[in-house]
Amino acid sequence: MEDVKALRKILFSSELGIDIEAIVNGSQIMSICDARSDLEFLDKKLDILQTFEGTLFCPNSAESVISKAMAEKIAGSGLSYENLSSVYQTFGDAGIVGILSGAHYCQRQPQCPRSGGKTPRITNNKRILNSILIYFQSNQK
């Protein structure tokens, strides 16, 4: 009950100035099944995110290869550090670029999705892709 009272104060008595109609129209009822699925997704994403710590993502270092947001985006796609490492060992640079950008770069990669004009699977930012490639090139030998 205290949570409800606090939420009421935040929404209706604060300086946020949120219109009641916007609150009602923007609110969605979530089924227990959907809530559970969301929680399972977030738990899995956190587990995968931890595989990047100390490798591509160093949370306490300005020298991190990728940002926390990029590590979260990769983890949210279901790819772990081990997955990327395996792709690099099998397909090299083209494999990493292919799996992160969604582009199809070589005939040896039947699993690599084709972009088909769609947004990239994770990123097509050349600077980010290059940083990841340099990391694997120097650490996978």
C-alpha atoms as a PDB file:
ATOM      1  CA  MET A   1       0.000   0.000   0.000  1.00  0.00           C
ATOM      2  CA  GLU A   2       2.891   2.348   0.737  1.00  0.00           C
ATOM      3  CA  ASP A   3       4.224   1.836  -2.788  1.00  0.00           C
ATOM      4  CA  VAL A   4       0.855   2.850  -4.215  1.00  0.00           C
ATOM      5  CA  LYS A   5       0.782   5.973  -2.048  1.00  0.00           C
ATOM      6  CA  ALA A   6       4.324   6.916  -3.078  1.00  0.00           C
ATOM      7  CA  LEU A   7       3.561   6.371  -6.764  1.00  0.00           C
ATOM      8  CA  ARG A   8       0.417   8.496  -6.439  1.00  0.00           C
ATOM      9  CA  LYS A   9       2.480  11.341  -4.943  1.00  0.00           C
ATOM     10  CA  ILE A  10       5.078  11.077  -7.691  1.00  0.00           C
ATOM     11  CA  LEU A  11       2.557  11.030 -10.522  1.00  0.00           C
ATOM     12  CA  PHE A  12      -0.132  13.396  -9.304  1.00  0.00           C
ATOM     13  CA  SER A  13       1.415  15.715  -6.701  1.00  0.00           C
ATOM     14  CA  SER A  14       4.894  16.313  -8.069  1.00  0.00           C
ATOM     15  CA  GLU A  15       6.303  18.908 -10.390  1.00  0.00           C
ATOM     16  CA  LEU A  16       6.386  16.380 -13.237  1.00  0.00           C
ATOM     17  CA  GLY A  17       3.140  17.833 -14.533  1.00  0.00           C
ATOM     18  CA  ILE A  18       2.047  14.627 -16.211  1.00  0.00           C
ATOM     19  CA  ASP A  19      -1.457  14.811 -17.615  1.00  0.00           C
ATOM     20  CA  ILE A  20      -3.812  12.137 -16.215  1.00  0.00           C
ATOM     21  CA  GLU A  21      -4.925  11.276 -19.759  1.00  0.00           C
ATOM     22  CA  ALA A  22      -1.293  10.660 -20.770  1.00  0.00           C
ATOM     23  CA  ILE A  23      -0.831   8.368 -17.773  1.00  0.00           C
ATOM     24  CA  VAL A  24      -3.958   6.368 -18.562  1.00  0.00           C
ATOM     25  CA  ASN A  25      -3.236   6.141 -22.305  1.00  0.00           C
ATOM     26  CA  GLY A  26       0.447   5.342 -21.759  1.00  0.00           C
ATOM     27  CA  SER A  27      -0.139   2.655 -19.174  1.00  0.00           C
ATOM     28  CA  GLN A  28      -0.416  -0.937 -20.172  1.00  0.00           C
ATOM     29  CA  ILE A  29      -1.595  -3.894 -18.204  1.00  0.00           C
ATOM     30  CA  MET A  30       0.960  -6.665 -18.314  1.00  0.00           C
ATOM     31  CA  SER A  31       0.010 -10.268 -17.849  1.00  0.00           C
ATOM     32  CA  ILE A  32       1.889 -12.373 -15.321  1.00  0.00           C
ATOM     33  CA  CYS A  33       3.249 -14.445 -18.195  1.00  0.00           C
ATOM     34  CA  ASP A  34       4.598 -11.330 -19.948  1.00  0.00           C
ATOM     35  CA  ALA A  35       6.075  -9.997 -16.713  1.00  0.00           C
ATOM     36  CA  ARG A  36       7.786 -13.319 -16.110  1.00  0.00           C
ATOM     37  CA  SER A  37       9.131 -13.383 -19.675  1.00  0.00           C
ATOM     38  CA  ASP A  38      10.504  -9.865 -19.253  1.00  0.00           C
ATOM     39  CA  LEU A  39      12.154 -10.826 -15.971  1.00  0.00           C
ATOM     40  CA  GLU A  40      13.699 -13.959 -17.506  1.00  0.00           C
ATOM     41  CA  PHE A  41      14.996 -11.904 -20.452  1.00  0.00           C
ATOM     42  CA  LEU A  42      16.570  -9.340 -18.106  1.00  0.00           C
ATOM     43  CA  ASP A  43      18.144 -12.083 -15.975  1.00  0.00           C
ATOM     44  CA  LYS A  44      19.603 -13.777 -19.058  1.00  0.00           C
ATOM     45  CA  LYS A  45      20.849 -10.433 -20.415  1.00  0.00           C
ATOM     46  CA  LEU A  46      22.606  -9.707 -17.108  1.00  0.00           C
ATOM     47  CA  ASP A  47      24.237 -13.149 -17.100  1.00  0.00           C
ATOM     48  CA  ILE A  48      25.467 -12.623 -20.666  1.00  0.00           C
ATOM     49  CA  LEU A  49      26.610  -9.060 -19.908  1.00  0.00           C
ATOM     50  CA  GLN A  50      28.907 -10.410 -17.211  1.00  0.00           C
ATOM     51  CA  THR A  51      30.770 -12.474 -19.842  1.00  0.00           C
ATOM     52  CA  PHE A  52      32.040  -9.196 -21.361  1.00  0.00           C
ATOM     53  CA  GLU A  53      33.459  -7.811 -18.116  1.00  0.00           C
ATOM     54  CA  GLY A  54      37.236  -7.857 -18.122  1.00  0.00           C
ATOM     55  CA  THR A  55      37.364  -8.571 -21.843  1.00  0.00           C
ATOM     56  CA  LEU A  56      35.646  -6.211 -24.298  1.00  0.00           C
ATOM     57  CA  PHE A  57      34.035  -4.207 -21.487  1.00  0.00           C
ATOM     58  CA  CYS A  58      35.969  -3.010 -18.463  1.00  0.00           C
ATOM     59  CA  PRO A  59      33.563  -1.109 -16.191  1.00  0.00           C
ATOM     60  CA  ASN A  60      36.255   0.710 -14.193  1.00  0.00           C
ATOM     61  CA  SER A  61      38.490   1.620 -17.100  1.00  0.00           C
ATOM     62  CA  ALA A  62      38.467   4.430 -19.609  1.00  0.00           C
ATOM     63  CA  GLU A  63      40.315   2.019 -21.913  1.00  0.00           C
ATOM     64  CA  SER A  64      37.294  -0.271 -22.361  1.00  0.00           C
ATOM     65  CA  VAL A  65      36.952  -1.543 -25.933  1.00  0.00           C
ATOM     66  CA  ILE A  66      33.184  -1.032 -25.928  1.00  0.00           C
ATOM     67  CA  SER A  67      30.849   1.029 -23.765  1.00  0.00           C
ATOM     68  CA  LYS A  68      28.470  -0.438 -21.211  1.00  0.00           C
ATOM     69  CA  ALA A  69      25.545   0.459 -23.490  1.00  0.00           C
ATOM     70  CA  MET A  70      27.119  -1.476 -26.385  1.00  0.00           C
ATOM     71  CA  ALA A  71      27.886  -4.457 -24.128  1.00  0.00           C
ATOM     72  CA  GLU A  72      24.249  -4.402 -22.984  1.00  0.00           C
ATOM     73  CA  LYS A  73      23.048  -4.224 -26.580  1.00  0.00           C
ATOM     74  CA  ILE A  74      25.184  -7.213 -27.575  1.00  0.00           C
ATOM     75  CA  ALA A  75      24.061  -9.139 -24.476  1.00  0.00           C
ATOM     76  CA  GLY A  76      20.434  -8.261 -25.219  1.00  0.00           C
ATOM     77  CA  SER A  77      20.805  -9.898 -28.635  1.00  0.00           C
ATOM     78  CA  GLY A  78      21.767 -13.133 -26.868  1.00  0.00           C
ATOM     79  CA  LEU A  79      25.435 -13.091 -27.894  1.00  0.00           C
ATOM     80  CA  SER A  80      28.013 -13.738 -25.189  1.00  0.00           C
ATOM     81  CA  TYR A  81      31.744 -13.018 -25.272  1.00  0.00           C
ATOM     82  CA  GLU A  82      32.309 -16.732 -25.891  1.00  0.00           C
ATOM     83  CA  ASN A  83      29.986 -16.591 -28.907  1.00  0.00           C
ATOM     84  CA  LEU A  84      31.915 -13.673 -30.409  1.00  0.00           C
ATOM     85  CA  SER A  85      35.238 -15.358 -29.701  1.00  0.00           C
ATOM     86  CA  SER A  86      34.054 -18.542 -31.382  1.00  0.00           C
ATOM     87  CA  VAL A  87      32.785 -16.621 -34.404  1.00  0.00           C
ATOM     88  CA  TYR A  88      36.140 -14.846 -34.677  1.00  0.00           C
ATOM     89  CA  GLN A  89      38.080 -18.117 -34.453  1.00  0.00           C
ATOM     90  CA  THR A  90      35.907 -19.715 -37.113  1.00  0.00           C
ATOM     91  CA  PHE A  91      35.252 -16.856 -39.549  1.00  0.00           C
ATOM     92  CA  GLY A  92      37.729 -14.110 -38.633  1.00  0.00           C
ATOM     93  CA  ASP A  93      37.027 -10.418 -39.156  1.00  0.00           C
ATOM     94  CA  ALA A  94      34.189 -11.054 -41.596  1.00  0.00           C
ATOM     95  CA  GLY A  95      32.398 -13.202 -39.034  1.00  0.00           C
ATOM     96  CA  ILE A  96      32.484 -10.514 -36.347  1.00  0.00           C
ATOM     97  CA  VAL A  97      31.364  -7.798 -38.745  1.00  0.00           C
ATOM     98  CA  GLY A  98      28.690 -10.062 -40.156  1.00  0.00           C
ATOM     99  CA  ILE A  99      27.172 -11.121 -36.865  1.00  0.00           C
ATOM    100  CA  LEU A 100      27.263  -7.650 -35.299  1.00  0.00           C
ATOM    101  CA  SER A 101      26.052  -5.674 -38.304  1.00  0.00           C
ATOM    102  CA  GLY A 102      23.728  -8.259 -39.815  1.00  0.00           C
ATOM    103  CA  ALA A 103      25.571  -7.997 -43.121  1.00  0.00           C
ATOM    104  CA  HIS A 104      26.555 -11.021 -45.192  1.00  0.00           C
ATOM    105  CA  TYR A 105      30.260 -10.781 -45.974  1.00  0.00           C
ATOM    106  CA  CYS A 106      31.445 -14.172 -47.096  1.00  0.00           C
ATOM    107  CA  GLN A 107      30.125 -17.353 -48.625  1.00  0.00           C
ATOM    108  CA  ARG A 108      31.565 -19.519 -45.828  1.00  0.00           C
ATOM    109  CA  GLN A 109      29.075 -18.015 -43.352  1.00  0.00           C
ATOM    110  CA  PRO A 110      25.654 -19.537 -43.962  1.00  0.00           C
ATOM    111  CA  GLN A 111      24.486 -18.557 -40.446  1.00  0.00           C
ATOM    112  CA  CYS A 112      25.257 -14.898 -40.964  1.00  0.00           C
ATOM    113  CA  PRO A 113      21.980 -13.006 -41.502  1.00  0.00           C
ATOM    114  CA  ARG A 114      21.567 -10.768 -44.523  1.00  0.00           C
ATOM    115  CA  SER A 115      20.664  -7.189 -43.694  1.00  0.00           C
ATOM    116  CA  GLY A 116      18.244  -6.715 -46.586  1.00  0.00           C
ATOM    117  CA  GLY A 117      17.957  -2.981 -45.936  1.00  0.00           C
ATOM    118  CA  LYS A 118      16.928  -3.515 -42.322  1.00  0.00           C
ATOM    119  CA  THR A 119      18.627  -1.877 -39.372  1.00  0.00           C
ATOM    120  CA  PRO A 120      21.769  -3.660 -38.208  1.00  0.00           C
ATOM    121  CA  ARG A 121      21.429  -6.485 -35.737  1.00  0.00           C
ATOM    122  CA  ILE A 122      23.620  -4.676 -33.203  1.00  0.00           C
ATOM    123  CA  THR A 123      25.730  -1.958 -34.860  1.00  0.00           C
ATOM    124  CA  ASN A 124      27.245  -0.944 -38.146  1.00  0.00           C
ATOM    125  CA  ASN A 125      29.319   1.830 -36.577  1.00  0.00           C
ATOM    126  CA  LYS A 126      32.745   1.407 -38.170  1.00  0.00           C
ATOM    127  CA  ARG A 127      34.604   2.740 -35.128  1.00  0.00           C
ATOM    128  CA  ILE A 128      32.946   0.234 -32.785  1.00  0.00           C
ATOM    129  CA  LEU A 129      33.396  -2.659 -35.198  1.00  0.00           C
ATOM    130  CA  ASN A 130      37.041  -1.716 -35.755  1.00  0.00           C
ATOM    131  CA  SER A 131      37.695  -1.557 -31.988  1.00  0.00           C
ATOM    132  CA  ILE A 132      36.205  -5.020 -31.518  1.00  0.00           C
ATOM    133  CA  LEU A 133      38.212  -6.402 -34.454  1.00  0.00           C
ATOM    134  CA  ILE A 134      41.459  -4.936 -33.123  1.00  0.00           C
ATOM    135  CA  TYR A 135      40.712  -6.499 -29.730  1.00  0.00           C
ATOM    136  CA  PHE A 136      40.181  -9.968 -31.216  1.00  0.00           C
ATOM    137  CA  GLN A 137      43.128  -9.650 -33.585  1.00  0.00           C
ATOM    138  CA  SER A 138      45.465  -8.897 -30.683  1.00  0.00           C
ATOM    139  CA  ASN A 139      43.953 -11.348 -28.157  1.00  0.00           C
ATOM    140  CA  GLN A 140      43.101 -14.428 -30.204  1.00  0.00           C
ATOM    141  CA  LYS A 141      46.573 -15.342 -31.416  1.00  0.00           C
END
